[in-house]
Amino acid sequence: MHEQDLIKILVVDDRADNLLSIESILERESYTIVKANSGRAALKILLKEYDFSLILMDVQMPDMNGFETAALIYQRDKLKEIPIIFITAHSHEEEAIFKGYKVGAVDFIYKPINPELLRVKVGLFVELYRKTQSLIAQEQKLLNTNASLQREIEEKEASELKVRELNRQLLQNNIHLKAVNEELDRFAYIASHDLQEPLRKIRVFSDMILQKKSSAGDVDKYVQKITNATIRMQQLVSDLLRFSRHSIQGGDFTVCDLNDLVRDALTELEIKVQQSSASIKIEKLPSIQVIPTLMRQVFYNLISNALKFRKKEVSPEVRIYAELVASPDPHLRERPDGNYYKIFVVDNGIGFESQYVEDIFVVFKRLHSYHEIEGTGIGLSICKKIMEQHNGFITATSEIDNGATFIIGIPEKQMLPVNMTLMD
């Protein structure tokens, strides 16, 4: 389709011959001419069509003149940009010309119509229309481009935000994964290291029986120790499985005599105590709410450490006692309104520098002075985790060559229910 076919012109005149004359003058330009024989007819057309490039309108028409029609046309927002050229026979009536411009006329053509002048004027407005439409199209293109760029910017910002969020989640996941790995290491330590004690007893006493150097009474005693070690090992396996598969609930806390738990730990360490000629002094300890299996593990690790980090040529001495404390402690979890116990495990071993008190509770972190002594550096980190699960704490004081004191803080009464997992 030729570009001029897109140009629509509305011609309004009450005389058919005038309409025909104008159509004939503009015919060679291939405009699309729409004719209306009255102002009302023009308004009716403009109700449905408003894509006109120009309106040619006679001023003198019965019923509704051109000025009145133009005023009504320009009341509609969609029609306000259509230029109107009035055709009038009164070339010298300034009042009429003023009235025409007032209602929005852009030009006048006077009768009798000069065909060439009409074609030139129409052509000028048609060219103006085309340029205006081109500018509108370019403006729309720019708006679309800007909208597209804005979407790209927003998508990029959203993508960057998503990347930051993913990085944040990845960092959190890495932190969680590290914590889980540490917990798995602790669990593996309990599952392997702690099971070695009953196995060691079974092996030692089985060897004694096999050597046949013992009396019948000793054999019975050794068999009983083997049986006890087997029962203890079975209990350890059962407890480990339970705590690896289930949550620690309020029901796992039971009122337990800590003296019994210390004695159980010493039973497991019986051979080491005998081999090191250790002296273990246990003063009266309280009965409080604990998770027995885990608290036994704490005493086992602390006494085992006291035996392991002993001075050469000096028999280990371990003293365990408790104090009831009412004042808050900075290490204790939010429990300022309740009493708690401090349980002290004091030894006469090689000790350590006080500046390293936090390091000894970090998984796999071992002090330089401990390097010559066998161990994994995980036992105290297990104690720390267990005390956190008891809403308590563990800390220590020490000096080089002057022993160490490990202090357990634990609430006199637990706020139940407590819902934690060993791997949490």
Protein backbone atom coordinates (compact mmCIF):
# COMPACT_ATOMS: atom_id res chain seq x y z
CA MET A 1 0.00 0.00 0.00
CA HIS A 2 1.29 3.47 -0.95
CA GLU A 3 2.03 5.77 1.99
CA GLN A 4 -0.53 8.35 0.74
CA ASP A 5 -3.30 5.76 1.00
CA LEU A 6 -2.90 6.10 4.75
CA ILE A 7 -3.91 9.78 4.64
CA LYS A 8 -7.58 10.28 5.48
CA ILE A 9 -9.31 13.63 5.00
CA LEU A 10 -12.81 14.45 6.25
CA VAL A 11 -14.64 16.97 4.06
CA VAL A 12 -17.76 18.59 5.59
CA ASP A 13 -20.14 20.69 3.41
CA ASP A 14 -23.91 20.80 3.12
CA ARG A 15 -23.71 21.11 -0.67
CA ALA A 16 -23.01 17.96 -2.69
CA ASP A 17 -21.41 19.91 -5.55
CA ASN A 18 -18.87 21.44 -3.20
CA LEU A 19 -18.03 18.01 -1.81
CA LEU A 20 -17.58 16.64 -5.32
CA SER A 21 -15.45 19.62 -6.34
CA ILE A 22 -13.05 19.25 -3.41
CA GLU A 23 -12.82 15.48 -3.96
CA SER A 24 -11.94 16.10 -7.61
CA ILE A 25 -9.23 18.64 -6.74
CA LEU A 26 -7.55 16.23 -4.30
CA GLU A 27 -8.17 13.11 -6.39
CA ARG A 28 -4.71 12.92 -7.99
CA GLU A 29 -3.01 12.87 -4.58
CA SER A 30 -4.67 9.53 -3.78
CA TYR A 31 -5.93 10.66 -0.42
CA THR A 32 -8.77 8.77 1.19
CA ILE A 33 -11.67 11.26 1.18
CA VAL A 34 -14.56 10.80 3.62
CA LYS A 35 -17.57 13.12 3.01
CA ALA A 36 -20.16 14.48 5.44
CA ASN A 37 -23.07 16.71 4.36
CA SER A 38 -23.64 18.33 7.78
CA GLY A 39 -21.99 19.04 11.09
CA ARG A 40 -24.03 16.28 12.76
CA ALA A 41 -23.03 13.79 10.06
CA ALA A 42 -19.38 14.71 10.64
CA LEU A 43 -19.73 14.17 14.41
CA LYS A 44 -21.39 10.80 13.77
CA ILE A 45 -18.45 9.72 11.59
CA LEU A 46 -15.94 10.94 14.16
CA LEU A 47 -17.58 8.81 16.83
CA LYS A 48 -16.25 5.71 15.04
CA GLU A 49 -13.22 7.04 13.16
CA TYR A 50 -10.62 9.40 14.58
CA ASP A 51 -7.53 8.65 12.44
CA PHE A 52 -8.04 11.62 10.12
CA SER A 53 -5.02 13.66 9.01
CA LEU A 54 -7.10 16.77 8.25
CA ILE A 55 -10.64 18.16 8.29
CA LEU A 56 -11.88 20.54 5.56
CA MET A 57 -15.10 22.16 6.81
CA ASP A 58 -17.48 24.70 5.35
CA VAL A 59 -18.37 27.49 7.76
CA GLN A 60 -21.88 28.26 6.56
CA MET A 61 -24.05 25.18 7.09
CA PRO A 62 -27.70 25.03 8.18
CA ASP A 63 -28.64 23.72 11.62
CA MET A 64 -25.02 23.66 12.90
CA ASN A 65 -22.32 25.83 11.39
CA GLY A 66 -18.64 24.93 11.05
CA PHE A 67 -17.51 26.79 14.14
CA GLU A 68 -20.06 25.04 16.34
CA THR A 69 -19.13 21.68 14.85
CA ALA A 70 -15.43 22.33 15.42
CA ALA A 71 -16.07 23.27 19.06
CA LEU A 72 -17.85 19.94 19.62
CA ILE A 73 -15.12 18.00 17.80
CA TYR A 74 -12.38 19.45 19.97
CA GLN A 75 -14.20 18.46 23.14
CA ARG A 76 -13.04 14.90 22.53
CA ASP A 77 -9.42 14.21 23.56
CA LYS A 78 -8.87 11.78 20.68
CA LEU A 79 -9.81 14.46 18.11
CA LYS A 80 -7.98 17.47 19.53
CA GLU A 81 -4.87 16.98 17.38
CA ILE A 82 -6.71 16.89 14.02
CA PRO A 83 -6.14 20.21 12.19
CA ILE A 84 -9.23 21.95 10.73
CA ILE A 85 -9.14 24.20 7.65
CA PHE A 86 -12.32 26.28 7.33
CA ILE A 87 -13.76 27.07 3.88
CA THR A 88 -15.63 30.34 3.83
CA ALA A 89 -17.01 32.84 1.30
CA HIS A 90 -16.35 35.78 3.66
CA SER A 91 -12.77 36.68 3.06
CA HIS A 92 -12.83 40.03 4.85
CA GLU A 93 -14.90 39.37 7.96
CA GLU A 94 -12.32 39.68 10.71
CA GLU A 95 -14.85 38.75 13.35
CA ALA A 96 -15.54 35.42 11.63
CA ILE A 97 -11.83 34.73 11.19
CA PHE A 98 -11.19 35.50 14.87
CA LYS A 99 -14.06 33.21 15.86
CA GLY A 100 -12.60 30.43 13.70
CA TYR A 101 -9.15 30.65 15.23
CA LYS A 102 -10.70 30.77 18.66
CA VAL A 103 -12.36 27.38 18.23
CA GLY A 104 -9.11 25.88 16.92
CA ALA A 105 -8.85 26.51 13.19
CA VAL A 106 -5.37 26.25 11.68
CA ASP A 107 -6.15 27.99 8.40
CA PHE A 108 -8.83 29.38 6.06
CA ILE A 109 -9.53 28.84 2.35
CA TYR A 110 -11.83 31.29 0.66
CA LYS A 111 -14.43 30.66 -2.00
CA PRO A 112 -14.24 30.40 -4.88
CA ILE A 113 -11.64 27.72 -4.13
CA ASN A 114 -8.32 27.98 -5.92
CA PRO A 115 -7.51 24.30 -6.72
CA GLU A 116 -3.74 24.74 -6.63
CA LEU A 117 -3.84 26.64 -3.34
CA LEU A 118 -6.06 23.93 -1.84
CA ARG A 119 -3.66 21.21 -2.96
CA VAL A 120 -0.63 23.11 -1.56
CA LYS A 121 -2.23 23.81 1.81
CA VAL A 122 -3.55 20.28 2.15
CA GLY A 123 -0.14 18.95 1.10
CA LEU A 124 1.60 21.03 3.78
CA PHE A 125 -0.66 19.72 6.54
CA VAL A 126 -0.40 16.20 5.21
CA GLU A 127 3.43 16.46 5.31
CA LEU A 128 3.21 17.88 8.83
CA TYR A 129 0.98 14.96 9.79
CA ARG A 130 3.46 12.47 8.35
CA LYS A 131 6.38 14.02 10.23
CA THR A 132 4.34 14.15 13.41
CA GLN A 133 3.42 10.49 13.03
CA SER A 134 7.07 9.68 12.36
CA LEU A 135 8.10 11.52 15.51
CA ILE A 136 5.38 9.74 17.47
CA ALA A 137 6.59 6.40 16.10
CA GLN A 138 10.20 7.26 17.02
CA GLU A 139 9.11 8.39 20.45
CA GLN A 140 7.22 5.15 20.96
CA LYS A 141 10.24 3.20 19.74
CA LEU A 142 12.43 5.06 22.22
CA LEU A 143 9.89 4.42 24.98
CA ASN A 144 9.84 0.73 24.09
CA THR A 145 13.64 0.66 23.99
CA ASN A 146 13.82 2.42 27.36
CA ALA A 147 11.24 0.00 28.77
CA SER A 148 13.27 -2.91 27.41
CA LEU A 149 16.46 -1.48 28.89
CA GLN A 150 14.67 -0.92 32.18
CA ARG A 151 13.50 -4.54 32.17
CA GLU A 152 17.04 -5.68 31.41
CA ILE A 153 18.37 -3.53 34.25
CA GLU A 154 15.72 -4.86 36.62
CA GLU A 155 16.39 -8.42 35.50
CA LYS A 156 20.12 -7.85 35.96
CA GLU A 157 19.56 -6.35 39.39
CA ALA A 158 17.22 -9.21 40.25
CA SER A 159 19.81 -11.66 38.95
CA GLU A 160 22.55 -9.99 40.99
CA LEU A 161 20.26 -10.00 44.01
CA LYS A 162 19.55 -13.68 43.39
CA VAL A 163 23.27 -14.37 43.09
CA ARG A 164 23.91 -12.53 46.36
CA GLU A 165 21.12 -14.49 48.02
CA LEU A 166 22.49 -17.75 46.62
CA ASN A 167 25.96 -16.80 47.85
CA ARG A 168 24.51 -16.01 51.26
CA GLN A 169 22.71 -19.35 51.33
CA LEU A 170 25.88 -21.08 50.14
CA LEU A 171 27.85 -19.43 52.93
CA GLN A 172 25.24 -20.49 55.48
CA ASN A 173 25.21 -23.99 54.03
CA ASN A 174 29.00 -24.14 54.23
CA ILE A 175 28.91 -23.02 57.85
CA HIS A 176 26.21 -25.59 58.59
CA LEU A 177 28.12 -28.26 56.68
CA LYS A 178 31.26 -27.50 58.67
CA ALA A 179 29.29 -27.76 61.91
CA VAL A 180 27.70 -31.02 60.79
CA ASN A 181 31.10 -32.42 59.79
CA GLU A 182 32.47 -31.51 63.21
CA GLU A 183 29.50 -33.23 64.82
CA LEU A 184 30.05 -36.29 62.66
CA ASP A 185 33.68 -36.32 63.75
CA ARG A 186 32.59 -36.10 67.38
CA PHE A 187 30.10 -38.89 66.86
CA ALA A 188 32.74 -41.03 65.14
CA TYR A 189 35.04 -40.38 68.10
CA ILE A 190 32.42 -41.56 70.57
CA ALA A 191 31.56 -44.53 68.39
CA SER A 192 35.18 -45.66 68.03
CA HIS A 193 37.30 -44.29 70.89
CA ASP A 194 34.83 -44.93 73.70
CA LEU A 195 34.05 -48.45 72.55
CA GLN A 196 37.76 -49.27 72.82
CA GLU A 197 37.69 -49.21 76.64
CA PRO A 198 35.35 -52.20 77.11
CA LEU A 199 37.15 -53.96 74.24
CA ARG A 200 40.50 -53.33 75.96
CA LYS A 201 39.15 -54.87 79.17
CA ILE A 202 37.82 -57.86 77.31
CA ARG A 203 41.22 -58.37 75.66
CA VAL A 204 43.27 -57.89 78.87
CA PHE A 205 41.21 -60.21 81.03
CA SER A 206 40.85 -62.77 78.25
CA ASP A 207 44.67 -62.83 77.96
CA MET A 208 44.97 -63.39 81.70
CA ILE A 209 42.61 -66.33 81.50
CA LEU A 210 44.37 -67.77 78.44
CA GLN A 211 47.77 -67.54 80.18
CA LYS A 212 46.36 -69.91 82.80
CA LYS A 213 48.37 -68.19 85.50
CA SER A 214 45.37 -67.30 87.56
CA SER A 215 43.52 -69.16 90.28
CA ALA A 216 39.97 -70.37 89.85
CA GLY A 217 38.74 -67.42 91.90
CA ASP A 218 40.64 -64.98 89.69
CA VAL A 219 39.22 -66.61 86.57
CA ASP A 220 35.68 -66.09 87.89
CA LYS A 221 36.56 -62.45 88.66
CA TYR A 222 38.01 -61.92 85.17
CA VAL A 223 35.02 -63.55 83.51
CA GLN A 224 32.73 -61.26 85.48
CA LYS A 225 34.77 -58.21 84.36
CA ILE A 226 34.55 -59.42 80.75
CA THR A 227 30.79 -59.82 81.15
CA ASN A 228 30.48 -56.33 82.64
CA ALA A 229 32.58 -54.86 79.82
CA THR A 230 30.40 -56.63 77.28
CA ILE A 231 27.25 -55.23 78.91
CA ARG A 232 28.82 -51.77 78.98
CA MET A 233 29.77 -52.04 75.30
CA GLN A 234 26.24 -53.15 74.43
CA GLN A 235 24.86 -50.15 76.35
CA LEU A 236 27.23 -47.80 74.55
CA VAL A 237 26.18 -49.13 71.14
CA SER A 238 22.50 -48.84 72.09
CA ASP A 239 22.93 -45.26 73.35
CA LEU A 240 24.94 -44.22 70.31
CA LEU A 241 22.28 -45.56 67.98
CA ARG A 242 19.54 -43.82 69.92
CA PHE A 243 21.26 -40.46 69.89
CA SER A 244 22.18 -40.75 66.23
CA ARG A 245 18.59 -41.43 65.17
CA HIS A 246 16.43 -39.44 67.56
CA SER A 247 16.09 -35.99 69.06
CA ILE A 248 17.10 -35.22 72.61
CA GLN A 249 13.75 -34.53 74.26
CA GLY A 250 12.77 -33.40 77.72
CA GLY A 251 12.15 -37.04 78.66
CA ASP A 252 15.84 -37.84 78.11
CA PHE A 253 16.67 -35.75 81.18
CA THR A 254 16.43 -37.77 84.40
CA VAL A 255 17.34 -36.94 87.98
CA CYS A 256 20.62 -38.74 88.37
CA ASP A 257 23.24 -39.02 91.12
CA LEU A 258 26.42 -37.64 89.57
CA ASN A 259 28.47 -39.77 91.96
CA ASP A 260 27.12 -42.85 90.14
CA LEU A 261 28.08 -41.40 86.76
CA VAL A 262 31.63 -40.68 87.96
CA ARG A 263 31.92 -44.22 89.30
CA ASP A 264 30.71 -45.59 85.95
CA ALA A 265 33.35 -43.52 84.17
CA LEU A 266 36.04 -44.80 86.58
CA THR A 267 34.93 -48.35 85.93
CA GLU A 268 35.57 -47.83 82.25
CA LEU A 269 38.96 -46.31 83.07
CA GLU A 270 39.85 -48.98 85.64
CA ILE A 271 42.92 -50.28 83.81
CA LYS A 272 44.34 -46.78 83.12
CA VAL A 273 43.81 -45.79 86.74
CA GLN A 274 45.67 -48.90 87.90
CA GLN A 275 48.49 -48.53 85.38
CA SER A 276 49.10 -44.88 86.33
CA SER A 277 48.66 -45.44 90.09
CA ALA A 278 46.22 -42.57 90.08
CA SER A 279 44.46 -41.22 93.15
CA ILE A 280 40.85 -40.21 92.49
CA LYS A 281 39.05 -38.31 95.25
CA ILE A 282 35.32 -37.77 94.77
CA GLU A 283 33.51 -35.49 97.19
CA LYS A 284 29.75 -35.48 97.52
CA LEU A 285 28.16 -34.54 94.19
CA PRO A 286 24.50 -33.52 93.69
CA SER A 287 21.61 -35.40 92.10
CA ILE A 288 20.30 -33.26 89.25
CA GLN A 289 18.53 -33.50 85.90
CA VAL A 290 20.97 -34.70 83.23
CA ILE A 291 21.13 -36.96 80.21
CA PRO A 292 23.05 -39.81 81.90
CA THR A 293 24.84 -41.23 78.86
CA LEU A 294 26.14 -37.82 77.79
CA MET A 295 27.10 -36.62 81.26
CA ARG A 296 28.98 -39.89 81.88
CA GLN A 297 30.88 -39.09 78.68
CA VAL A 298 31.91 -35.69 80.14
CA PHE A 299 33.33 -37.23 83.31
CA TYR A 300 35.02 -39.98 81.32
CA ASN A 301 36.78 -37.45 79.06
CA LEU A 302 37.85 -35.15 81.90
CA ILE A 303 39.26 -37.94 84.08
CA SER A 304 40.86 -39.56 81.03
CA ASN A 305 42.55 -36.24 80.18
CA ALA A 306 43.80 -35.87 83.76
CA LEU A 307 45.44 -39.32 83.50
CA LYS A 308 46.77 -38.68 79.99
CA PHE A 309 48.32 -35.26 80.66
CA ARG A 310 50.06 -36.24 83.90
CA LYS A 311 53.59 -35.27 84.87
CA LYS A 312 56.32 -37.83 84.33
CA GLU A 313 57.33 -39.75 87.41
CA VAL A 314 54.40 -38.23 89.36
CA SER A 315 51.26 -40.21 90.17
CA PRO A 316 48.10 -38.44 88.93
CA GLU A 317 45.82 -36.95 91.55
CA VAL A 318 42.28 -36.01 90.65
CA ARG A 319 39.78 -34.27 92.91
CA ILE A 320 36.12 -33.86 91.95
CA TYR A 321 33.76 -31.67 93.98
CA ALA A 322 30.72 -29.39 93.55
CA GLU A 323 29.45 -26.00 94.69
CA LEU A 324 25.91 -24.60 94.54
CA VAL A 325 25.98 -21.08 93.09
CA ALA A 326 23.20 -18.48 93.10
CA SER A 327 24.83 -15.55 91.28
CA PRO A 328 24.76 -15.46 87.48
CA ASP A 329 27.79 -16.61 85.53
CA PRO A 330 28.73 -15.10 82.12
CA HIS A 331 29.28 -18.60 80.72
CA LEU A 332 25.81 -19.83 81.71
CA ARG A 333 23.00 -19.62 79.20
CA GLU A 334 20.16 -17.22 80.04
CA ARG A 335 19.24 -18.38 83.53
CA PRO A 336 19.80 -15.45 85.90
CA ASP A 337 16.88 -16.37 88.18
CA GLY A 338 17.93 -19.95 89.01
CA ASN A 339 20.68 -21.65 91.00
CA TYR A 340 23.26 -23.78 89.29
CA TYR A 341 26.08 -26.11 90.23
CA LYS A 342 29.72 -25.69 89.49
CA ILE A 343 31.48 -29.05 89.36
CA PHE A 344 35.27 -28.94 89.54
CA VAL A 345 37.65 -31.58 88.19
CA VAL A 346 41.11 -30.69 89.49
CA ASP A 347 44.35 -32.50 88.52
CA ASN A 348 48.07 -32.14 89.20
CA GLY A 349 49.14 -32.65 85.59
CA ILE A 350 51.29 -30.67 83.15
CA GLY A 351 48.69 -27.92 82.77
CA PHE A 352 48.62 -25.35 79.96
CA GLU A 353 48.91 -21.59 79.47
CA SER A 354 45.70 -19.78 80.47
CA GLN A 355 45.62 -17.84 77.19
CA TYR A 356 44.73 -21.08 75.40
CA VAL A 357 41.66 -21.86 77.52
CA GLU A 358 39.26 -21.36 74.58
CA ASP A 359 41.43 -23.28 72.10
CA ILE A 360 41.32 -26.55 74.03
CA PHE A 361 37.56 -26.81 73.41
CA VAL A 362 37.86 -26.40 69.62
CA VAL A 363 37.56 -29.61 67.64
CA PHE A 364 40.93 -31.08 66.53
CA LYS A 365 42.84 -28.10 67.98
CA ARG A 366 45.65 -29.34 70.21
CA LEU A 367 48.13 -27.26 72.13
CA HIS A 368 51.83 -27.38 71.28
CA SER A 369 52.68 -28.74 74.72
CA TYR A 370 50.27 -31.65 74.14
CA HIS A 371 51.70 -32.79 70.80
CA GLU A 372 53.87 -35.51 72.30
CA ILE A 373 50.84 -37.04 74.00
CA GLU A 374 48.55 -39.39 72.09
CA GLY A 375 45.07 -38.08 71.32
CA THR A 376 42.82 -36.62 68.66
CA GLY A 377 42.04 -33.24 70.18
CA ILE A 378 38.29 -33.86 70.04
CA GLY A 379 37.38 -35.06 73.55
CA LEU A 380 36.97 -31.59 75.11
CA SER A 381 34.99 -30.30 72.13
CA ILE A 382 32.55 -33.15 72.79
CA CYS A 383 32.32 -32.07 76.43
CA LYS A 384 31.56 -28.50 75.35
CA LYS A 385 28.76 -29.65 73.03
CA ILE A 386 27.27 -31.90 75.71
CA MET A 387 27.23 -29.07 78.25
CA GLU A 388 25.53 -26.77 75.72
CA GLN A 389 22.88 -29.46 75.34
CA HIS A 390 22.45 -29.29 79.11
CA ASN A 391 22.00 -25.49 78.95
CA GLY A 392 25.30 -25.21 80.82
CA PHE A 393 28.95 -24.58 80.08
CA ILE A 394 32.46 -25.90 80.53
CA THR A 395 35.62 -23.85 81.04
CA ALA A 396 39.04 -24.29 82.62
CA THR A 397 41.85 -22.57 84.50
CA SER A 398 45.47 -23.68 84.46
CA GLU A 399 49.15 -22.85 84.68
CA ILE A 400 52.08 -24.63 83.08
CA ASP A 401 53.37 -27.47 85.34
CA ASN A 402 50.77 -26.61 87.96
CA GLY A 403 47.81 -28.77 86.96
CA ALA A 404 44.45 -27.84 85.48
CA THR A 405 40.96 -27.25 86.85
CA PHE A 406 38.01 -27.95 84.59
CA ILE A 407 34.74 -26.33 85.68
CA ILE A 408 31.34 -27.62 84.60
CA GLY A 409 28.35 -25.29 85.05
CA ILE A 410 24.91 -26.89 84.98
CA PRO A 411 21.46 -25.59 86.07
CA GLU A 412 20.04 -27.02 89.25
CA LYS A 413 16.76 -27.47 87.37
CA GLN A 414 16.34 -27.82 83.61
CA MET A 415 13.69 -25.81 81.81
CA LEU A 416 11.90 -28.60 79.99
CA PRO A 417 11.00 -29.59 77.36
CA VAL A 418 14.37 -29.28 75.64
CA ASN A 419 14.39 -30.18 71.98
CA MET A 420 17.85 -30.65 70.50
CA THR A 421 19.63 -33.29 68.44
CA LEU A 422 23.14 -34.61 68.80
CA MET A 423 23.84 -33.54 65.20
CA ASP A 424 21.89 -30.24 65.48
